Amino acid sequence: MTDSSTYLSATADAYDSIATVYADLPRDDLRAPSLDHAWITAFAERVRAEGGGTVAEFGCGPGPVTALLRDLGLNAFGVDVSPAMIDLARQTYPDIRFEVGSTESLARPGEELRGIVSWYSLIHTPPEEVPAYLAEFHGALPPGGHLLLAFFESEGAPVTPFDHKVTTAYRWPIDDLADLARRAGFTELGRMLREPGEGERFRRGHLLMRR
């Protein structure tokens, strides 16, 4: 079993070291009419259809997805293990709550989450640790809450490590990740695979789940 504190610390240090460069990367995939924008919009519409409420972005980085969720009418906040990323997010979006932390920061006393977005934030998690994170997501959401996962898809290969240029990451078969989410108690509502765009190396996978 991997020592979770070790890889979390390594991930935080790696992203701290490149935070400013990372924050300056173009975010065309988050703008309409991109497929990624449409998928996040679908998540927001599902949450609003269930009555709205608070949603968390787990692994928010410098905050653009959290800001998009806010713009789509949700009460969104972001959580990340990298203090440098959270500093940049707070500077860029001072009207949005951002916190340094991991899954323990997803729930507050008296605040019920209605959704969690993990937008490429589990990619650095050792595969044997992923079920525990999915169980934490399930525990943080009430019945009817929604989970949106985005990840690099392995295109027929098993779980595959690769050089992410920041720190080691993993590509997942979409069926395998969906099965782990089902075992954690989620029901799949839909999935999307999109081919890599210009400047991208790998196919992207997306899963929309309901607790």
N, C-alpha and C. Protein backbone atom coordinates (compact mmCIF):
# COMPACT_ATOMS: atom_id res chain seq x y z
N MET A 1 0.85 -1.19 0.00
CA MET A 1 0.00 0.00 0.00
C MET A 1 0.88 1.24 0.00
N THR A 2 0.54 2.22 -0.83
CA THR A 2 1.30 3.45 -0.91
C THR A 2 1.01 4.32 0.32
N ASP A 3 2.06 4.99 0.81
CA ASP A 3 1.89 5.95 1.89
C ASP A 3 1.27 7.21 1.29
N SER A 4 -0.01 7.46 1.60
CA SER A 4 -0.73 8.56 0.96
C SER A 4 -0.10 9.90 1.29
N SER A 5 0.44 10.06 2.51
CA SER A 5 1.03 11.34 2.87
C SER A 5 2.25 11.64 2.00
N THR A 6 2.96 10.59 1.58
CA THR A 6 4.17 10.76 0.76
C THR A 6 3.82 11.28 -0.62
N TYR A 7 2.86 10.64 -1.31
CA TYR A 7 2.57 11.09 -2.66
C TYR A 7 1.78 12.39 -2.66
N LEU A 8 0.97 12.64 -1.63
CA LEU A 8 0.28 13.93 -1.55
C LEU A 8 1.28 15.06 -1.37
N SER A 9 2.27 14.85 -0.52
CA SER A 9 3.30 15.86 -0.31
C SER A 9 4.12 16.08 -1.58
N ALA A 10 4.45 14.99 -2.27
CA ALA A 10 5.21 15.11 -3.50
C ALA A 10 4.41 15.84 -4.58
N THR A 11 3.11 15.55 -4.65
CA THR A 11 2.26 16.22 -5.63
C THR A 11 2.15 17.71 -5.32
N ALA A 12 1.94 18.03 -4.04
CA ALA A 12 1.85 19.44 -3.65
C ALA A 12 3.13 20.18 -3.98
N ASP A 13 4.28 19.58 -3.66
CA ASP A 13 5.56 20.23 -3.93
C ASP A 13 5.76 20.44 -5.43
N ALA A 14 5.38 19.43 -6.22
CA ALA A 14 5.56 19.53 -7.67
C ALA A 14 4.73 20.66 -8.25
N TYR A 15 3.48 20.77 -7.81
CA TYR A 15 2.62 21.83 -8.35
C TYR A 15 2.97 23.20 -7.77
N ASP A 16 3.45 23.25 -6.54
CA ASP A 16 3.92 24.52 -5.99
C ASP A 16 5.05 25.08 -6.86
N SER A 17 5.91 24.19 -7.35
CA SER A 17 7.09 24.65 -8.07
C SER A 17 6.77 25.21 -9.45
N ILE A 18 5.61 24.85 -10.01
CA ILE A 18 5.27 25.33 -11.36
C ILE A 18 3.94 26.08 -11.37
N ALA A 19 3.49 26.53 -10.22
CA ALA A 19 2.14 27.08 -10.11
C ALA A 19 1.89 28.24 -11.05
N THR A 20 2.81 29.20 -11.13
CA THR A 20 2.59 30.38 -11.97
C THR A 20 2.55 30.00 -13.44
N VAL A 21 3.45 29.13 -13.87
CA VAL A 21 3.45 28.67 -15.26
C VAL A 21 2.16 27.92 -15.57
N TYR A 22 1.75 27.05 -14.68
CA TYR A 22 0.54 26.25 -14.88
C TYR A 22 -0.69 27.15 -14.98
N ALA A 23 -0.75 28.16 -14.12
CA ALA A 23 -1.91 29.05 -14.13
C ALA A 23 -2.02 29.84 -15.42
N ASP A 24 -0.90 30.05 -16.10
CA ASP A 24 -0.90 30.84 -17.35
C ASP A 24 -1.21 30.01 -18.59
N LEU A 25 -1.38 28.69 -18.44
CA LEU A 25 -1.69 27.85 -19.60
C LEU A 25 -3.06 28.23 -20.17
N PRO A 26 -3.23 28.16 -21.49
CA PRO A 26 -4.54 28.47 -22.08
C PRO A 26 -5.59 27.48 -21.63
N ARG A 27 -6.84 27.97 -21.50
CA ARG A 27 -7.94 27.13 -21.02
C ARG A 27 -9.06 27.06 -22.07
N ASP A 28 -8.67 26.89 -23.33
CA ASP A 28 -9.67 26.86 -24.41
C ASP A 28 -10.65 25.72 -24.24
N ASP A 29 -10.22 24.61 -23.59
CA ASP A 29 -11.10 23.47 -23.42
C ASP A 29 -12.27 23.78 -22.49
N LEU A 30 -12.16 24.85 -21.70
CA LEU A 30 -13.23 25.21 -20.77
C LEU A 30 -14.20 26.23 -21.35
N ARG A 31 -13.97 26.65 -22.56
CA ARG A 31 -14.82 27.67 -23.17
C ARG A 31 -15.81 27.03 -24.14
N ALA A 32 -17.04 27.56 -24.17
CA ALA A 32 -18.03 27.09 -25.14
C ALA A 32 -17.52 27.45 -26.54
N PRO A 33 -17.75 26.59 -27.54
CA PRO A 33 -18.61 25.39 -27.52
C PRO A 33 -17.83 24.09 -27.36
N SER A 34 -16.78 24.05 -26.56
CA SER A 34 -16.00 22.83 -26.40
C SER A 34 -16.82 21.73 -25.74
N LEU A 35 -16.42 20.48 -25.99
CA LEU A 35 -17.09 19.34 -25.37
C LEU A 35 -16.90 19.34 -23.85
N ASP A 36 -15.72 19.77 -23.40
CA ASP A 36 -15.50 19.80 -21.95
C ASP A 36 -16.43 20.81 -21.28
N HIS A 37 -16.59 21.97 -21.89
CA HIS A 37 -17.51 22.98 -21.36
C HIS A 37 -18.93 22.41 -21.31
N ALA A 38 -19.32 21.70 -22.36
CA ALA A 38 -20.66 21.12 -22.41
C ALA A 38 -20.85 20.08 -21.30
N TRP A 39 -19.81 19.32 -21.00
CA TRP A 39 -19.92 18.28 -19.98
C TRP A 39 -20.04 18.89 -18.59
N ILE A 40 -19.26 19.94 -18.32
CA ILE A 40 -19.37 20.63 -17.04
C ILE A 40 -20.75 21.28 -16.91
N THR A 41 -21.24 21.83 -18.02
CA THR A 41 -22.57 22.43 -18.02
C THR A 41 -23.63 21.38 -17.71
N ALA A 42 -23.48 20.18 -18.27
CA ALA A 42 -24.44 19.11 -17.99
C ALA A 42 -24.44 18.76 -16.50
N PHE A 43 -23.26 18.70 -15.90
CA PHE A 43 -23.17 18.46 -14.45
C PHE A 43 -23.91 19.55 -13.68
N ALA A 44 -23.66 20.81 -14.04
CA ALA A 44 -24.31 21.93 -13.34
C ALA A 44 -25.82 21.87 -13.49
N GLU A 45 -26.28 21.52 -14.67
CA GLU A 45 -27.73 21.43 -14.90
C GLU A 45 -28.35 20.32 -14.07
N ARG A 46 -27.64 19.20 -13.92
CA ARG A 46 -28.16 18.11 -13.10
C ARG A 46 -28.26 18.54 -11.64
N VAL A 47 -27.22 19.24 -11.14
CA VAL A 47 -27.25 19.69 -9.75
C VAL A 47 -28.37 20.69 -9.54
N ARG A 48 -28.53 21.64 -10.46
CA ARG A 48 -29.60 22.63 -10.33
C ARG A 48 -30.97 21.97 -10.40
N ALA A 49 -31.11 20.93 -11.22
CA ALA A 49 -32.39 20.23 -11.35
C ALA A 49 -32.77 19.53 -10.05
N GLU A 50 -31.75 19.19 -9.23
CA GLU A 50 -31.99 18.54 -7.94
C GLU A 50 -32.17 19.56 -6.81
N GLY A 51 -32.25 20.83 -7.18
CA GLY A 51 -32.45 21.87 -6.17
C GLY A 51 -31.26 22.77 -5.93
N GLY A 52 -30.14 22.52 -6.66
CA GLY A 52 -28.96 23.36 -6.51
C GLY A 52 -28.24 23.08 -5.21
N GLY A 53 -27.44 24.04 -4.78
CA GLY A 53 -26.69 23.88 -3.54
C GLY A 53 -25.20 24.02 -3.77
N THR A 54 -24.43 23.61 -2.77
CA THR A 54 -22.98 23.78 -2.78
C THR A 54 -22.31 22.62 -3.51
N VAL A 55 -21.30 22.95 -4.34
CA VAL A 55 -20.49 21.93 -5.00
C VAL A 55 -19.02 22.25 -4.73
N ALA A 56 -18.20 21.21 -4.70
CA ALA A 56 -16.78 21.36 -4.46
C ALA A 56 -16.00 20.87 -5.66
N GLU A 57 -14.95 21.61 -6.02
CA GLU A 57 -13.99 21.07 -6.98
C GLU A 57 -12.80 20.55 -6.21
N PHE A 58 -12.55 19.26 -6.33
CA PHE A 58 -11.46 18.60 -5.64
C PHE A 58 -10.23 18.63 -6.54
N GLY A 59 -9.15 19.28 -6.06
CA GLY A 59 -7.97 19.44 -6.90
C GLY A 59 -8.17 20.59 -7.87
N CYS A 60 -8.51 21.75 -7.34
CA CYS A 60 -8.96 22.87 -8.17
C CYS A 60 -7.84 23.62 -8.87
N GLY A 61 -6.58 23.41 -8.46
CA GLY A 61 -5.49 24.16 -9.07
C GLY A 61 -5.71 25.65 -8.94
N PRO A 62 -5.46 26.44 -10.01
CA PRO A 62 -5.63 27.89 -9.94
C PRO A 62 -7.07 28.36 -10.08
N GLY A 63 -8.03 27.41 -10.16
CA GLY A 63 -9.43 27.78 -10.00
C GLY A 63 -10.32 27.99 -11.20
N PRO A 64 -9.89 27.75 -12.46
CA PRO A 64 -10.79 28.09 -13.57
C PRO A 64 -12.05 27.23 -13.64
N VAL A 65 -11.97 25.96 -13.26
CA VAL A 65 -13.17 25.12 -13.30
C VAL A 65 -14.13 25.52 -12.19
N THR A 66 -13.59 25.83 -11.00
CA THR A 66 -14.44 26.31 -9.91
C THR A 66 -15.17 27.58 -10.32
N ALA A 67 -14.45 28.48 -11.00
CA ALA A 67 -15.07 29.73 -11.46
C ALA A 67 -16.15 29.45 -12.50
N LEU A 68 -15.92 28.48 -13.38
CA LEU A 68 -16.94 28.13 -14.37
C LEU A 68 -18.18 27.57 -13.68
N LEU A 69 -17.99 26.73 -12.68
CA LEU A 69 -19.14 26.21 -11.94
C LEU A 69 -19.92 27.34 -11.30
N ARG A 70 -19.22 28.32 -10.75
CA ARG A 70 -19.88 29.50 -10.19
C ARG A 70 -20.67 30.24 -11.26
N ASP A 71 -20.06 30.42 -12.43
CA ASP A 71 -20.71 31.13 -13.52
C ASP A 71 -21.94 30.39 -14.04
N LEU A 72 -21.96 29.07 -13.82
CA LEU A 72 -23.09 28.25 -14.25
C LEU A 72 -24.19 28.18 -13.18
N GLY A 73 -24.08 29.01 -12.16
CA GLY A 73 -25.16 29.15 -11.19
C GLY A 73 -25.04 28.31 -9.95
N LEU A 74 -23.84 27.76 -9.68
CA LEU A 74 -23.67 26.93 -8.49
C LEU A 74 -22.87 27.66 -7.42
N ASN A 75 -23.11 27.30 -6.19
CA ASN A 75 -22.32 27.81 -5.07
C ASN A 75 -21.08 26.92 -4.96
N ALA A 76 -20.01 27.31 -5.66
CA ALA A 76 -18.85 26.44 -5.81
C ALA A 76 -17.67 26.92 -4.98
N PHE A 77 -16.92 25.97 -4.45
CA PHE A 77 -15.65 26.28 -3.82
C PHE A 77 -14.61 25.25 -4.26
N GLY A 78 -13.33 25.58 -4.06
CA GLY A 78 -12.25 24.72 -4.52
C GLY A 78 -11.33 24.28 -3.40
N VAL A 79 -10.77 23.06 -3.55
CA VAL A 79 -9.84 22.48 -2.59
C VAL A 79 -8.64 21.95 -3.37
N ASP A 80 -7.43 22.18 -2.86
CA ASP A 80 -6.23 21.66 -3.51
C ASP A 80 -5.14 21.46 -2.46
N VAL A 81 -4.25 20.48 -2.71
CA VAL A 81 -3.16 20.22 -1.78
C VAL A 81 -2.02 21.21 -1.94
N SER A 82 -2.00 21.96 -3.03
CA SER A 82 -0.91 22.88 -3.32
C SER A 82 -1.21 24.27 -2.78
N PRO A 83 -0.49 24.74 -1.75
CA PRO A 83 -0.72 26.10 -1.25
C PRO A 83 -0.49 27.18 -2.30
N ALA A 84 0.50 26.98 -3.16
CA ALA A 84 0.77 27.99 -4.19
C ALA A 84 -0.39 28.10 -5.16
N MET A 85 -0.98 26.97 -5.52
CA MET A 85 -2.14 27.00 -6.41
C MET A 85 -3.32 27.71 -5.74
N ILE A 86 -3.54 27.44 -4.47
CA ILE A 86 -4.64 28.08 -3.76
C ILE A 86 -4.40 29.59 -3.67
N ASP A 87 -3.16 30.01 -3.44
CA ASP A 87 -2.86 31.44 -3.41
C ASP A 87 -3.23 32.10 -4.74
N LEU A 88 -2.87 31.46 -5.85
CA LEU A 88 -3.19 32.01 -7.17
C LEU A 88 -4.69 32.04 -7.41
N ALA A 89 -5.39 30.98 -7.00
CA ALA A 89 -6.84 30.94 -7.16
C ALA A 89 -7.51 32.07 -6.39
N ARG A 90 -7.06 32.30 -5.16
CA ARG A 90 -7.65 33.37 -4.35
C ARG A 90 -7.38 34.75 -4.95
N GLN A 91 -6.19 34.92 -5.53
CA GLN A 91 -5.87 36.21 -6.16
C GLN A 91 -6.72 36.44 -7.41
N THR A 92 -6.92 35.38 -8.19
CA THR A 92 -7.65 35.51 -9.46
C THR A 92 -9.15 35.60 -9.25
N TYR A 93 -9.66 34.86 -8.27
CA TYR A 93 -11.11 34.81 -8.02
C TYR A 93 -11.37 35.12 -6.54
N PRO A 94 -11.21 36.36 -6.11
CA PRO A 94 -11.32 36.68 -4.69
C PRO A 94 -12.71 36.50 -4.11
N ASP A 95 -13.72 36.34 -4.97
CA ASP A 95 -15.09 36.17 -4.48
C ASP A 95 -15.47 34.70 -4.30
N ILE A 96 -14.52 33.78 -4.52
CA ILE A 96 -14.78 32.35 -4.41
C ILE A 96 -13.93 31.78 -3.27
N ARG A 97 -14.49 30.84 -2.52
CA ARG A 97 -13.76 30.21 -1.42
C ARG A 97 -12.82 29.13 -1.97
N PHE A 98 -11.56 29.21 -1.56
CA PHE A 98 -10.56 28.19 -1.90
C PHE A 98 -9.82 27.79 -0.63
N GLU A 99 -9.57 26.48 -0.48
CA GLU A 99 -8.95 25.97 0.74
C GLU A 99 -7.83 25.00 0.39
N VAL A 100 -6.75 25.06 1.18
CA VAL A 100 -5.70 24.05 1.08
C VAL A 100 -6.17 22.81 1.83
N GLY A 101 -6.13 21.66 1.17
CA GLY A 101 -6.56 20.44 1.82
C GLY A 101 -6.83 19.34 0.83
N SER A 102 -7.34 18.24 1.34
CA SER A 102 -7.70 17.09 0.52
C SER A 102 -9.15 16.73 0.81
N THR A 103 -9.47 15.46 0.88
CA THR A 103 -10.88 15.07 1.04
C THR A 103 -11.47 15.53 2.36
N GLU A 104 -10.62 15.75 3.37
CA GLU A 104 -11.15 16.19 4.66
C GLU A 104 -11.73 17.60 4.59
N SER A 105 -11.39 18.34 3.52
CA SER A 105 -11.88 19.72 3.36
C SER A 105 -13.16 19.81 2.55
N LEU A 106 -13.71 18.66 2.14
CA LEU A 106 -14.89 18.69 1.29
C LEU A 106 -16.17 19.00 2.05
N ALA A 107 -16.22 18.65 3.31
CA ALA A 107 -17.45 18.83 4.08
C ALA A 107 -17.21 19.76 5.26
N ARG A 108 -18.17 20.64 5.50
CA ARG A 108 -18.15 21.52 6.67
C ARG A 108 -19.40 21.26 7.50
N PRO A 109 -19.30 21.42 8.81
CA PRO A 109 -20.51 21.26 9.64
C PRO A 109 -21.61 22.21 9.18
N GLY A 110 -22.79 21.66 8.98
CA GLY A 110 -23.93 22.48 8.58
C GLY A 110 -24.00 22.80 7.10
N GLU A 111 -23.04 22.29 6.32
CA GLU A 111 -23.04 22.57 4.88
C GLU A 111 -23.16 21.24 4.13
N GLU A 112 -24.21 21.09 3.35
CA GLU A 112 -24.42 19.85 2.60
C GLU A 112 -23.95 20.02 1.17
N LEU A 113 -23.03 19.17 0.75
CA LEU A 113 -22.58 19.19 -0.64
C LEU A 113 -23.62 18.57 -1.54
N ARG A 114 -23.81 19.14 -2.72
CA ARG A 114 -24.70 18.56 -3.72
C ARG A 114 -23.93 18.01 -4.91
N GLY A 115 -22.63 18.28 -4.96
CA GLY A 115 -21.85 17.76 -6.07
C GLY A 115 -20.37 17.91 -5.82
N ILE A 116 -19.58 17.04 -6.45
CA ILE A 116 -18.12 17.09 -6.42
C ILE A 116 -17.62 16.95 -7.85
N VAL A 117 -16.70 17.81 -8.23
CA VAL A 117 -16.02 17.72 -9.51
C VAL A 117 -14.56 17.37 -9.26
N SER A 118 -14.09 16.31 -9.88
CA SER A 118 -12.68 15.93 -9.83
C SER A 118 -12.16 16.01 -11.26
N TRP A 119 -11.65 17.18 -11.62
CA TRP A 119 -11.27 17.48 -13.01
C TRP A 119 -9.77 17.22 -13.17
N TYR A 120 -9.43 15.99 -13.54
CA TYR A 120 -8.04 15.54 -13.69
C TYR A 120 -7.28 15.61 -12.37
N SER A 121 -7.97 15.55 -11.25
CA SER A 121 -7.29 15.66 -9.96
C SER A 121 -6.91 14.30 -9.37
N LEU A 122 -7.47 13.20 -9.86
CA LEU A 122 -7.08 11.88 -9.38
C LEU A 122 -5.98 11.26 -10.23
N ILE A 123 -5.51 11.98 -11.24
CA ILE A 123 -4.56 11.38 -12.19
C ILE A 123 -3.23 11.03 -11.54
N HIS A 124 -2.85 11.72 -10.48
CA HIS A 124 -1.57 11.44 -9.81
C HIS A 124 -1.72 10.44 -8.67
N THR A 125 -2.92 10.01 -8.40
CA THR A 125 -3.17 9.08 -7.29
C THR A 125 -2.76 7.67 -7.69
N PRO A 126 -1.91 7.00 -6.91
CA PRO A 126 -1.58 5.61 -7.21
C PRO A 126 -2.86 4.78 -7.35
N PRO A 127 -2.94 3.92 -8.35
CA PRO A 127 -4.19 3.20 -8.62
C PRO A 127 -4.80 2.50 -7.41
N GLU A 128 -3.96 1.95 -6.53
CA GLU A 128 -4.50 1.23 -5.37
C GLU A 128 -5.17 2.16 -4.37
N GLU A 129 -4.91 3.47 -4.48
CA GLU A 129 -5.52 4.45 -3.58
C GLU A 129 -6.82 5.03 -4.11
N VAL A 130 -7.10 4.85 -5.40
CA VAL A 130 -8.27 5.47 -6.01
C VAL A 130 -9.58 5.01 -5.37
N PRO A 131 -9.78 3.72 -5.07
CA PRO A 131 -11.04 3.32 -4.42
C PRO A 131 -11.31 4.07 -3.13
N ALA A 132 -10.27 4.37 -2.35
CA ALA A 132 -10.47 5.09 -1.09
C ALA A 132 -10.96 6.51 -1.36
N TYR A 133 -10.45 7.15 -2.41
CA TYR A 133 -10.92 8.49 -2.74
C TYR A 133 -12.37 8.47 -3.20
N LEU A 134 -12.73 7.49 -4.01
CA LEU A 134 -14.11 7.39 -4.46
C LEU A 134 -15.05 7.14 -3.27
N ALA A 135 -14.59 6.35 -2.31
CA ALA A 135 -15.39 6.13 -1.10
C ALA A 135 -15.54 7.42 -0.31
N GLU A 136 -14.48 8.23 -0.25
CA GLU A 136 -14.57 9.53 0.43
C GLU A 136 -15.55 10.45 -0.28
N PHE A 137 -15.53 10.46 -1.61
CA PHE A 137 -16.49 11.28 -2.36
C PHE A 137 -17.92 10.84 -2.05
N HIS A 138 -18.12 9.51 -2.03
CA HIS A 138 -19.45 8.98 -1.75
C HIS A 138 -19.91 9.40 -0.36
N GLY A 139 -18.99 9.33 0.61
CA GLY A 139 -19.35 9.68 1.98
C GLY A 139 -19.63 11.17 2.16
N ALA A 140 -19.03 12.00 1.30
CA ALA A 140 -19.22 13.45 1.42
C ALA A 140 -20.51 13.94 0.78
N LEU A 141 -21.15 13.09 -0.03
CA LEU A 141 -22.35 13.49 -0.76
C LEU A 141 -23.59 12.84 -0.16
N PRO A 142 -24.72 13.53 -0.19
CA PRO A 142 -25.98 12.91 0.23
C PRO A 142 -26.57 12.11 -0.92
N PRO A 143 -27.58 11.30 -0.68
CA PRO A 143 -28.28 10.65 -1.79
C PRO A 143 -28.77 11.70 -2.79
N GLY A 144 -28.55 11.43 -4.06
CA GLY A 144 -28.92 12.39 -5.10
C GLY A 144 -27.81 13.34 -5.49
N GLY A 145 -26.68 13.33 -4.72
CA GLY A 145 -25.54 14.16 -5.08
C GLY A 145 -24.85 13.64 -6.33
N HIS A 146 -24.14 14.52 -7.01
CA HIS A 146 -23.51 14.15 -8.28
C HIS A 146 -21.99 14.25 -8.22
N LEU A 147 -21.34 13.39 -8.97
CA LEU A 147 -19.88 13.36 -9.07
C LEU A 147 -19.50 13.41 -10.54
N LEU A 148 -18.58 14.31 -10.88
CA LEU A 148 -18.06 14.42 -12.23
C LEU A 148 -16.56 14.13 -12.20
N LEU A 149 -16.13 13.13 -12.95
CA LEU A 149 -14.72 12.76 -13.04
C LEU A 149 -14.20 13.05 -14.44
N ALA A 150 -13.02 13.65 -14.52
CA ALA A 150 -12.32 13.81 -15.79
C ALA A 150 -10.91 13.25 -15.62
N PHE A 151 -10.42 12.54 -16.63
CA PHE A 151 -9.15 11.83 -16.50
C PHE A 151 -8.59 11.53 -17.89
N PHE A 152 -7.36 11.06 -17.93
CA PHE A 152 -6.75 10.62 -19.17
C PHE A 152 -7.11 9.15 -19.38
N GLU A 153 -7.65 8.83 -20.55
CA GLU A 153 -8.15 7.48 -20.83
C GLU A 153 -7.05 6.66 -21.48
N SER A 154 -7.01 5.36 -21.17
CA SER A 154 -5.87 4.53 -21.57
C SER A 154 -6.01 3.89 -22.95
N GLU A 155 -7.15 4.08 -23.61
CA GLU A 155 -7.34 3.63 -25.01
C GLU A 155 -7.08 2.14 -25.18
N GLY A 156 -7.69 1.34 -24.31
CA GLY A 156 -7.61 -0.11 -24.44
C GLY A 156 -6.52 -0.75 -23.61
N ALA A 157 -5.59 0.03 -23.11
CA ALA A 157 -4.52 -0.50 -22.25
C ALA A 157 -5.00 -0.55 -20.81
N PRO A 158 -4.32 -1.33 -19.94
CA PRO A 158 -4.64 -1.28 -18.51
C PRO A 158 -4.19 0.07 -17.93
N VAL A 159 -4.39 0.24 -16.64
CA VAL A 159 -3.94 1.47 -15.99
C VAL A 159 -2.46 1.67 -16.32
N THR A 160 -2.14 2.85 -16.84
CA THR A 160 -0.82 3.08 -17.40
C THR A 160 -0.19 4.35 -16.83
N PRO A 161 0.98 4.26 -16.18
CA PRO A 161 1.65 5.48 -15.73
C PRO A 161 2.30 6.20 -16.91
N PHE A 162 2.42 7.51 -16.79
CA PHE A 162 3.11 8.27 -17.84
C PHE A 162 3.73 9.51 -17.23
N ASP A 163 4.63 10.11 -17.99
CA ASP A 163 5.30 11.33 -17.55
C ASP A 163 4.39 12.51 -17.83
N HIS A 164 3.82 13.08 -16.78
CA HIS A 164 2.90 14.19 -16.90
C HIS A 164 3.64 15.53 -17.00
N LYS A 165 4.95 15.49 -16.85
CA LYS A 165 5.83 16.67 -16.85
C LYS A 165 5.80 17.43 -15.53
N VAL A 166 4.77 17.20 -14.70
CA VAL A 166 4.76 17.77 -13.35
C VAL A 166 5.19 16.69 -12.37
N THR A 167 4.47 15.59 -12.36
CA THR A 167 4.82 14.42 -11.56
C THR A 167 4.08 13.22 -12.17
N THR A 168 4.43 12.02 -11.78
CA THR A 168 3.86 10.82 -12.39
C THR A 168 2.34 10.83 -12.35
N ALA A 169 1.74 10.48 -13.48
CA ALA A 169 0.28 10.40 -13.58
C ALA A 169 -0.10 9.06 -14.19
N TYR A 170 -1.42 8.79 -14.21
CA TYR A 170 -1.92 7.50 -14.67
C TYR A 170 -3.08 7.70 -15.64
N ARG A 171 -3.08 6.87 -16.69
CA ARG A 171 -4.21 6.81 -17.61
C ARG A 171 -5.06 5.59 -17.24
N TRP A 172 -6.39 5.79 -17.27
CA TRP A 172 -7.32 4.76 -16.81
C TRP A 172 -8.22 4.27 -17.95
N PRO A 173 -8.50 2.95 -18.01
CA PRO A 173 -9.59 2.48 -18.86
C PRO A 173 -10.91 3.01 -18.30
N ILE A 174 -11.74 3.58 -19.13
CA ILE A 174 -12.97 4.19 -18.63
C ILE A 174 -13.88 3.16 -17.96
N ASP A 175 -13.91 1.94 -18.48
CA ASP A 175 -14.75 0.90 -17.86
C ASP A 175 -14.26 0.57 -16.46
N ASP A 176 -12.95 0.51 -16.27
CA ASP A 176 -12.40 0.16 -14.95
C ASP A 176 -12.70 1.25 -13.92
N LEU A 177 -12.54 2.52 -14.31
CA LEU A 177 -12.81 3.59 -13.36
C LEU A 177 -14.31 3.67 -13.05
N ALA A 178 -15.15 3.46 -14.07
CA ALA A 178 -16.59 3.44 -13.83
C ALA A 178 -16.97 2.30 -12.89
N ASP A 179 -16.31 1.15 -13.03
CA ASP A 179 -16.61 0.02 -12.16
C ASP A 179 -16.21 0.32 -10.72
N LEU A 180 -15.07 0.97 -10.51
CA LEU A 180 -14.66 1.34 -9.16
C LEU A 180 -15.66 2.31 -8.54
N ALA A 181 -16.15 3.25 -9.34
CA ALA A 181 -17.14 4.21 -8.83
C ALA A 181 -18.43 3.49 -8.46
N ARG A 182 -18.85 2.51 -9.26
CA ARG A 182 -20.05 1.74 -8.92
C ARG A 182 -19.85 0.97 -7.62
N ARG A 183 -18.67 0.39 -7.44
CA ARG A 183 -18.39 -0.35 -6.20
C ARG A 183 -18.41 0.58 -4.99
N ALA A 184 -18.07 1.85 -5.22
CA ALA A 184 -18.11 2.83 -4.12
C ALA A 184 -19.52 3.30 -3.82
N GLY A 185 -20.49 2.92 -4.67
CA GLY A 185 -21.89 3.26 -4.41
C GLY A 185 -22.51 4.24 -5.38
N PHE A 186 -21.78 4.60 -6.44
CA PHE A 186 -22.32 5.54 -7.42
C PHE A 186 -23.02 4.82 -8.57
N THR A 187 -23.98 5.51 -9.17
CA THR A 187 -24.67 5.03 -10.37
C THR A 187 -24.23 5.88 -11.54
N GLU A 188 -23.81 5.25 -12.61
CA GLU A 188 -23.36 6.00 -13.78
C GLU A 188 -24.56 6.59 -14.53
N LEU A 189 -24.50 7.88 -14.81
CA LEU A 189 -25.52 8.55 -15.61
C LEU A 189 -25.09 8.72 -17.06
N GLY A 190 -23.79 8.85 -17.28
CA GLY A 190 -23.32 9.03 -18.65
C GLY A 190 -21.81 9.12 -18.69
N ARG A 191 -21.27 8.99 -19.89
CA ARG A 191 -19.82 9.06 -20.08
C ARG A 191 -19.51 9.73 -21.41
N MET A 192 -18.32 10.29 -21.48
CA MET A 192 -17.86 10.89 -22.72
C MET A 192 -16.39 10.57 -22.92
N LEU A 193 -16.05 10.14 -24.13
CA LEU A 193 -14.66 10.03 -24.54
C LEU A 193 -14.44 11.05 -25.65
N ARG A 194 -13.39 11.83 -25.53
CA ARG A 194 -13.06 12.71 -26.64
C ARG A 194 -11.61 12.52 -27.04
N GLU A 195 -11.39 12.63 -28.33
CA GLU A 195 -10.05 12.45 -28.86
C GLU A 195 -9.18 13.66 -28.51
N PRO A 196 -7.85 13.47 -28.44
CA PRO A 196 -6.98 14.60 -28.09
C PRO A 196 -7.06 15.72 -29.11
N GLY A 197 -7.10 16.94 -28.60
CA GLY A 197 -7.09 18.11 -29.46
C GLY A 197 -5.67 18.53 -29.78
N GLU A 198 -5.55 19.66 -30.43
CA GLU A 198 -4.24 20.16 -30.82
C GLU A 198 -3.39 20.40 -29.56
N GLY A 199 -2.18 19.83 -29.57
CA GLY A 199 -1.28 19.98 -28.44
C GLY A 199 -1.53 19.01 -27.30
N GLU A 200 -2.55 18.14 -27.42
CA GLU A 200 -2.84 17.15 -26.38
C GLU A 200 -2.31 15.78 -26.80
N ARG A 201 -1.89 15.00 -25.82
CA ARG A 201 -1.29 13.70 -26.13
C ARG A 201 -2.26 12.54 -26.08
N PHE A 202 -3.27 12.62 -25.19
CA PHE A 202 -4.06 11.44 -24.90
C PHE A 202 -5.56 11.71 -25.01
N ARG A 203 -6.30 10.62 -25.23
CA ARG A 203 -7.75 10.69 -25.18
C ARG A 203 -8.21 11.05 -23.77
N ARG A 204 -9.31 11.79 -23.70
CA ARG A 204 -9.85 12.23 -22.41
C ARG A 204 -11.11 11.45 -22.08
N GLY A 205 -11.23 11.05 -20.82
CA GLY A 205 -12.41 10.34 -20.35
C GLY A 205 -13.18 11.17 -19.34
N HIS A 206 -14.51 11.04 -19.36
CA HIS A 206 -15.37 11.80 -18.45
C HIS A 206 -16.51 10.89 -17.99
N LEU A 207 -16.79 10.92 -16.69
CA LEU A 207 -17.88 10.13 -16.13
C LEU A 207 -18.75 11.03 -15.27
N LEU A 208 -20.06 10.93 -15.47
CA LEU A 208 -21.03 11.63 -14.64
C LEU A 208 -21.77 10.59 -13.82
N MET A 209 -21.67 10.70 -12.49
CA MET A 209 -22.22 9.70 -11.58
C MET A 209 -23.19 10.35 -10.61
N ARG A 210 -24.09 9.54 -10.07
CA ARG A 210 -25.05 10.00 -9.06
C ARG A 210 -24.96 9.07 -7.85
N ARG A 211 -24.98 9.67 -6.66
CA ARG A 211 -24.94 8.86 -5.44
C ARG A 211 -26.32 8.29 -5.15
